[in-house]
Amino acid sequence: MRLPFLQNVDESTLRRHLITAAAVLLALLLGWALWWHYLRSPWTRDGRIRAEVVNLASEVSGKVIDLKVVDNQPVQKGDVLFVIDPSDYRLALAQAEATLQSRQCDQQIAQANSQRRQLLGVEAISTEEKDTSQSSALVASAAYQAALAARDLAQVNLDRTVIRSPVNGYVTNLTLRIGDYAVPGQTKMTLVDSDSFWVVGYFEETKLPGIHEGDYAHVKLMGWGPEIAGHVESISHAIADTNSDANSEGLANVSPIFTWVRLAQRIPVRIHIDQVPDPVRIAAGQTCTIVLSPPKK
């Protein structure tokens, strides 16, 4: 049965109109679903690969006489990276050992004298002399302990002329050269800790309700096809607020401009890397797209 306003429309025309209407309705539904997904689903293009960076500095001063690595070389924990001239520290150790032997002899003589005097009677030696000899033995013992500590310190300083890698990682931005002078506390080499890589995603605050610790993370690096698998490890609890900066008078420096467009702030989310596919090579600073989904039960 046809409706009155369709009495004069043939079947083929009616079919075309219905197909067109259905296609338009489907397109509207798909468009609405994509828009809702874009606005609400937890995903971001603003992701970065991060890693711990170790800045190596020597603990003793001296000229670099040997360099064991090259730029971008992988190293293992304990590998020798560079060597500082040990000549002065060997001499200091030899001097400290000689001083230690001298203090040890002084200690033995003072202890022997004290023990011998303690055995004498009051008719042969006074109590004051006994106390003096005992005090001399204690002073000699303290001097020996000080010399022992100085010897150990000299040995430590000699060992510090060989700088080893504290982590598994990669040498990066190597500028150190043989002949450079190392100063304690001054960075001479930088390592990227290969065991510390993670991903940080900056998600709009409107998407935080859909993000939970343990959510599965699909990480897609620019330039690489395979995805990195990960999961949400933690969500940051603070970001900087420029309005909280005080002026010279200690007053809040609030921006006088606030347009009708209100932009969502971005909150850092830390993502643990579970698996990196074989062909993918990651480096700190790479950008990526991150899509989160609930964990499989």
Protein backbone atom coordinates (compact mmCIF):
# COMPACT_ATOMS: atom_id res chain seq x y z
CA MET A 1 0.00 0.00 0.00
CA ARG A 2 1.45 3.32 -1.03
CA LEU A 3 1.10 6.58 0.76
CA PRO A 4 -1.13 9.19 -1.01
CA PHE A 5 1.80 11.45 -1.94
CA LEU A 6 3.61 8.50 -3.57
CA GLN A 7 0.69 7.40 -5.78
CA ASN A 8 2.15 9.00 -8.93
CA VAL A 9 5.79 7.83 -8.33
CA ASP A 10 6.97 4.73 -10.17
CA GLU A 11 8.81 1.94 -8.37
CA SER A 12 12.28 2.61 -9.81
CA THR A 13 12.18 6.25 -8.77
CA LEU A 14 10.93 5.30 -5.33
CA ARG A 15 13.71 2.77 -4.95
CA ARG A 16 16.35 5.35 -5.89
CA HIS A 17 14.96 7.85 -3.38
CA LEU A 18 14.96 5.26 -0.61
CA ILE A 19 18.53 4.18 -1.39
CA THR A 20 19.67 7.82 -1.42
CA ALA A 21 17.93 8.52 1.88
CA ALA A 22 19.45 5.42 3.44
CA ALA A 23 22.94 6.39 2.20
CA VAL A 24 22.58 9.92 3.57
CA LEU A 25 21.37 8.58 6.95
CA LEU A 26 24.24 6.10 7.09
CA ALA A 27 26.75 8.84 6.23
CA LEU A 28 25.32 11.05 8.98
CA LEU A 29 25.55 8.22 11.52
CA LEU A 30 29.14 7.40 10.50
CA GLY A 31 30.09 11.07 10.63
CA TRP A 32 28.57 11.43 14.08
CA ALA A 33 30.36 8.28 15.29
CA LEU A 34 33.72 9.49 13.93
CA TRP A 35 33.23 12.91 15.47
CA TRP A 36 32.34 11.37 18.83
CA HIS A 37 35.36 9.08 18.56
CA TYR A 38 37.60 12.04 17.72
CA LEU A 39 36.35 14.09 20.66
CA ARG A 40 36.00 11.46 23.38
CA SER A 41 38.16 8.42 22.65
CA PRO A 42 41.56 8.39 24.42
CA TRP A 43 44.07 8.98 21.64
CA THR A 44 46.65 11.60 20.77
CA ARG A 45 49.18 12.44 18.09
CA ASP A 46 51.26 14.28 20.67
CA GLY A 47 53.41 11.43 21.97
CA ARG A 48 57.15 11.21 22.55
CA ILE A 49 59.70 8.49 23.23
CA ARG A 50 61.65 9.24 26.40
CA ALA A 51 64.68 7.68 28.08
CA GLU A 52 66.94 8.27 31.06
CA VAL A 53 70.15 10.11 30.15
CA VAL A 54 73.31 9.61 32.21
CA ASN A 55 75.80 12.49 32.24
CA LEU A 56 79.22 11.07 33.09
CA ALA A 57 81.82 13.16 34.87
CA SER A 58 85.15 12.12 36.33
CA GLU A 59 85.74 12.16 40.07
CA VAL A 60 89.43 12.99 39.66
CA SER A 61 91.23 15.50 37.48
CA GLY A 62 93.72 14.73 34.77
CA LYS A 63 94.38 14.39 31.06
CA VAL A 64 92.42 11.82 29.07
CA ILE A 65 94.96 9.36 27.65
CA ASP A 66 92.66 6.68 26.23
CA LEU A 67 89.17 6.64 24.72
CA LYS A 68 87.57 3.21 24.40
CA VAL A 69 84.29 4.06 22.62
CA VAL A 70 82.96 5.88 19.57
CA ASP A 71 79.80 7.90 19.05
CA ASN A 72 76.51 5.91 19.12
CA GLN A 73 78.28 2.74 20.26
CA PRO A 74 76.27 0.36 22.47
CA VAL A 75 77.94 -0.36 25.81
CA GLN A 76 77.30 -2.74 28.68
CA LYS A 77 77.36 -1.90 32.36
CA GLY A 78 80.97 -2.02 33.57
CA ASP A 79 82.59 -1.41 30.16
CA VAL A 80 85.58 0.97 30.17
CA LEU A 81 84.71 4.26 28.49
CA PHE A 82 87.84 6.37 28.91
CA VAL A 83 91.00 6.54 31.02
CA ILE A 84 92.59 9.48 32.81
CA ASP A 85 96.39 9.67 33.19
CA PRO A 86 97.06 7.63 36.37
CA SER A 87 100.73 8.64 36.89
CA ASP A 88 100.15 11.15 39.70
CA TYR A 89 97.71 8.81 41.44
CA ARG A 90 100.12 5.87 41.29
CA LEU A 91 102.78 8.01 42.94
CA ALA A 92 100.28 9.20 45.56
CA LEU A 93 99.38 5.59 46.30
CA ALA A 94 103.07 4.61 46.64
CA GLN A 95 103.65 7.52 49.00
CA ALA A 96 100.56 6.61 51.04
CA GLU A 97 101.74 2.98 51.33
CA ALA A 98 105.19 4.11 52.51
CA THR A 99 103.61 6.40 55.10
CA LEU A 100 101.39 3.53 56.22
CA GLN A 101 104.40 1.26 56.78
CA SER A 102 106.14 3.98 58.79
CA ARG A 103 103.05 4.55 60.96
CA GLN A 104 102.69 0.81 61.45
CA CYS A 105 106.28 0.60 62.77
CA ASP A 106 105.67 3.57 65.08
CA GLN A 107 102.53 1.88 66.38
CA GLN A 108 104.34 -1.41 67.09
CA ILE A 109 107.20 0.34 68.91
CA ALA A 110 104.82 2.50 70.98
CA GLN A 111 102.66 -0.51 71.92
CA ALA A 112 105.73 -2.57 72.88
CA ASN A 113 107.10 0.25 75.04
CA SER A 114 103.73 0.73 76.72
CA GLN A 115 103.31 -2.97 77.45
CA ARG A 116 106.85 -3.19 78.86
CA ARG A 117 106.36 -0.20 81.15
CA GLN A 118 103.02 -1.53 82.41
CA LEU A 119 104.85 -4.61 83.73
CA LEU A 120 107.34 -2.59 85.76
CA GLY A 121 106.71 -1.90 89.40
CA VAL A 122 106.28 1.48 91.05
CA GLU A 123 109.85 1.36 92.35
CA ALA A 124 111.18 1.27 88.76
CA ILE A 125 108.78 3.64 87.01
CA SER A 126 106.22 6.19 88.05
CA THR A 127 102.50 6.01 87.34
CA GLU A 128 102.78 9.18 85.26
CA GLU A 129 105.34 7.55 82.95
CA LYS A 130 103.06 4.53 82.53
CA ASP A 131 100.16 6.78 81.57
CA THR A 132 102.39 8.72 79.17
CA SER A 133 103.58 5.56 77.42
CA GLN A 134 100.01 4.31 77.14
CA SER A 135 98.89 7.63 75.63
CA SER A 136 101.78 7.51 73.13
CA ALA A 137 100.65 4.05 72.05
CA LEU A 138 97.11 5.35 71.47
CA VAL A 139 98.42 8.32 69.46
CA ALA A 140 100.56 5.98 67.33
CA SER A 141 97.54 3.72 66.76
CA ALA A 142 95.42 6.71 65.64
CA ALA A 143 98.18 7.84 63.29
CA TYR A 144 98.30 4.36 61.81
CA GLN A 145 94.51 4.37 61.23
CA ALA A 146 94.78 7.78 59.53
CA ALA A 147 97.57 6.50 57.28
CA LEU A 148 95.47 3.44 56.46
CA ALA A 149 92.54 5.65 55.43
CA ALA A 150 94.88 7.83 53.32
CA ARG A 151 96.21 4.71 51.59
CA ASP A 152 92.67 3.51 50.84
CA LEU A 153 91.73 6.96 49.49
CA ALA A 154 94.80 6.95 47.23
CA GLN A 155 93.75 3.53 45.93
CA VAL A 156 90.20 4.77 45.29
CA ASN A 157 91.49 7.81 43.38
CA LEU A 158 93.71 5.55 41.26
CA ASP A 159 90.74 3.32 40.47
CA ARG A 160 88.71 6.40 39.52
CA THR A 161 91.08 7.16 36.65
CA VAL A 162 89.29 4.38 34.74
CA ILE A 163 85.73 5.51 33.98
CA ARG A 164 83.25 2.69 33.40
CA SER A 165 79.68 2.65 32.18
CA PRO A 166 77.17 2.60 35.07
CA VAL A 167 74.33 1.32 32.82
CA ASN A 168 73.56 -0.59 29.65
CA GLY A 169 73.09 1.98 26.93
CA TYR A 170 74.41 3.96 24.01
CA VAL A 171 77.09 6.62 23.75
CA THR A 172 75.50 9.75 22.34
CA ASN A 173 76.79 13.12 21.14
CA LEU A 174 80.40 12.17 21.88
CA THR A 175 82.70 15.20 21.94
CA LEU A 176 85.43 13.87 24.24
CA ARG A 177 88.87 13.49 22.67
CA ILE A 178 92.22 12.10 23.81
CA GLY A 179 94.17 14.96 25.36
CA ASP A 180 91.12 16.69 26.86
CA TYR A 181 91.48 17.63 30.51
CA ALA A 182 88.92 16.16 32.88
CA VAL A 183 87.74 18.14 35.88
CA PRO A 184 85.71 16.57 38.70
CA GLY A 185 81.99 17.21 38.24
CA GLN A 186 82.30 18.38 34.62
CA THR A 187 80.30 16.24 32.15
CA LYS A 188 82.60 14.53 29.64
CA MET A 189 80.30 11.88 28.12
CA THR A 190 76.57 11.19 27.82
CA LEU A 191 74.88 7.79 27.76
CA VAL A 192 71.28 6.87 26.94
CA ASP A 193 70.09 4.11 29.28
CA SER A 194 68.78 1.39 26.95
CA ASP A 195 66.78 -0.21 29.78
CA SER A 196 64.82 2.94 30.60
CA PHE A 197 62.81 3.78 27.45
CA TRP A 198 59.18 4.77 27.94
CA VAL A 199 56.50 6.72 26.07
CA VAL A 200 54.81 9.88 27.28
CA GLY A 201 51.52 10.94 25.70
CA TYR A 202 50.01 14.40 26.16
CA PHE A 203 46.25 13.82 26.27
CA GLU A 204 43.60 16.53 26.36
CA GLU A 205 42.00 16.86 29.76
CA THR A 206 38.58 16.09 28.26
CA LYS A 207 39.83 12.55 27.49
CA LEU A 208 41.15 11.77 30.96
CA PRO A 209 37.89 10.12 32.15
CA GLY A 210 38.51 7.38 29.58
CA ILE A 211 42.13 6.74 30.65
CA HIS A 212 43.02 4.31 33.43
CA GLU A 213 46.20 2.67 34.70
CA GLY A 214 46.67 -0.64 32.89
CA ASP A 215 44.92 0.41 29.67
CA TYR A 216 46.47 -1.13 26.56
CA ALA A 217 48.44 1.34 24.41
CA HIS A 218 48.93 1.13 20.64
CA VAL A 219 51.99 3.26 19.85
CA LYS A 220 52.68 4.11 16.20
CA LEU A 221 55.98 5.82 15.44
CA MET A 222 56.38 8.11 12.46
CA GLY A 223 58.19 6.26 9.69
CA TRP A 224 57.62 2.76 11.08
CA GLY A 225 54.79 0.40 10.18
CA PRO A 226 54.65 -2.04 13.14
CA GLU A 227 53.11 -0.81 16.37
CA ILE A 228 54.78 -0.80 19.78
CA ALA A 229 52.79 -2.51 22.50
CA GLY A 230 52.52 -0.88 25.91
CA HIS A 231 50.22 -0.05 28.77
CA VAL A 232 49.37 3.02 30.84
CA GLU A 233 51.70 3.11 33.84
CA SER A 234 50.65 6.37 35.48
CA ILE A 235 48.93 9.71 34.92
CA SER A 236 50.54 13.01 35.86
CA HIS A 237 48.98 14.96 38.72
CA ALA A 238 50.20 18.44 37.79
CA ILE A 239 51.19 20.73 34.92
CA ALA A 240 52.55 24.29 34.97
CA ASP A 241 50.14 27.19 35.43
CA THR A 242 51.43 30.40 33.89
CA ASN A 243 48.90 32.46 35.88
CA SER A 244 50.54 31.38 39.15
CA ASP A 245 53.79 33.20 38.35
CA ALA A 246 54.25 36.19 40.62
CA ASN A 247 55.41 39.61 39.48
CA SER A 248 58.10 41.72 41.13
CA GLU A 249 55.65 42.68 43.89
CA GLY A 250 54.74 39.07 44.66
CA LEU A 251 51.25 39.35 43.11
CA ALA A 252 49.69 36.78 40.79
CA ASN A 253 50.41 37.62 37.16
CA VAL A 254 47.01 36.75 35.60
CA SER A 255 46.60 37.10 31.84
CA PRO A 256 43.94 39.75 31.01
CA ILE A 257 42.98 37.97 27.77
CA PHE A 258 40.55 35.06 27.64
CA THR A 259 38.96 34.44 24.27
CA TRP A 260 35.63 32.68 23.76
CA VAL A 261 37.53 29.62 22.54
CA ARG A 262 38.53 27.55 25.56
CA LEU A 263 41.40 25.17 24.81
CA ALA A 264 41.72 21.89 26.71
CA GLN A 265 44.95 21.51 28.65
CA ARG A 266 47.17 18.50 27.90
CA ILE A 267 48.09 16.15 30.73
CA PRO A 268 51.15 13.85 30.49
CA VAL A 269 50.43 10.11 30.65
CA ARG A 270 53.36 7.73 31.16
CA ILE A 271 53.22 4.54 29.09
CA HIS A 272 55.37 1.50 29.81
CA ILE A 273 56.80 -0.22 26.71
CA ASP A 274 55.90 -3.91 26.77
CA GLN A 275 57.25 -5.01 23.38
CA VAL A 276 59.11 -3.42 20.47
CA PRO A 277 58.86 -5.30 17.14
CA ASP A 278 62.18 -6.45 15.69
CA PRO A 279 62.47 -4.02 12.76
CA VAL A 280 61.53 -0.97 14.84
CA ARG A 281 64.35 1.16 16.24
CA ILE A 282 63.42 3.61 18.97
CA ALA A 283 65.26 6.75 20.00
CA ALA A 284 64.51 9.31 22.67
CA GLY A 285 62.67 12.28 21.17
CA GLN A 286 60.76 10.39 18.47
CA THR A 287 57.14 11.43 17.97
CA CYS A 288 54.28 8.96 17.87
CA THR A 289 50.53 8.51 17.81
CA ILE A 290 48.97 6.74 20.81
CA VAL A 291 45.60 5.00 20.93
CA LEU A 292 44.41 3.55 24.24
CA SER A 293 41.93 0.75 24.79
CA PRO A 294 40.72 -1.13 27.88
CA PRO A 295 42.79 -4.19 28.82
CA LYS A 296 41.53 -7.57 27.66
CA LYS A 297 39.84 -9.55 30.41
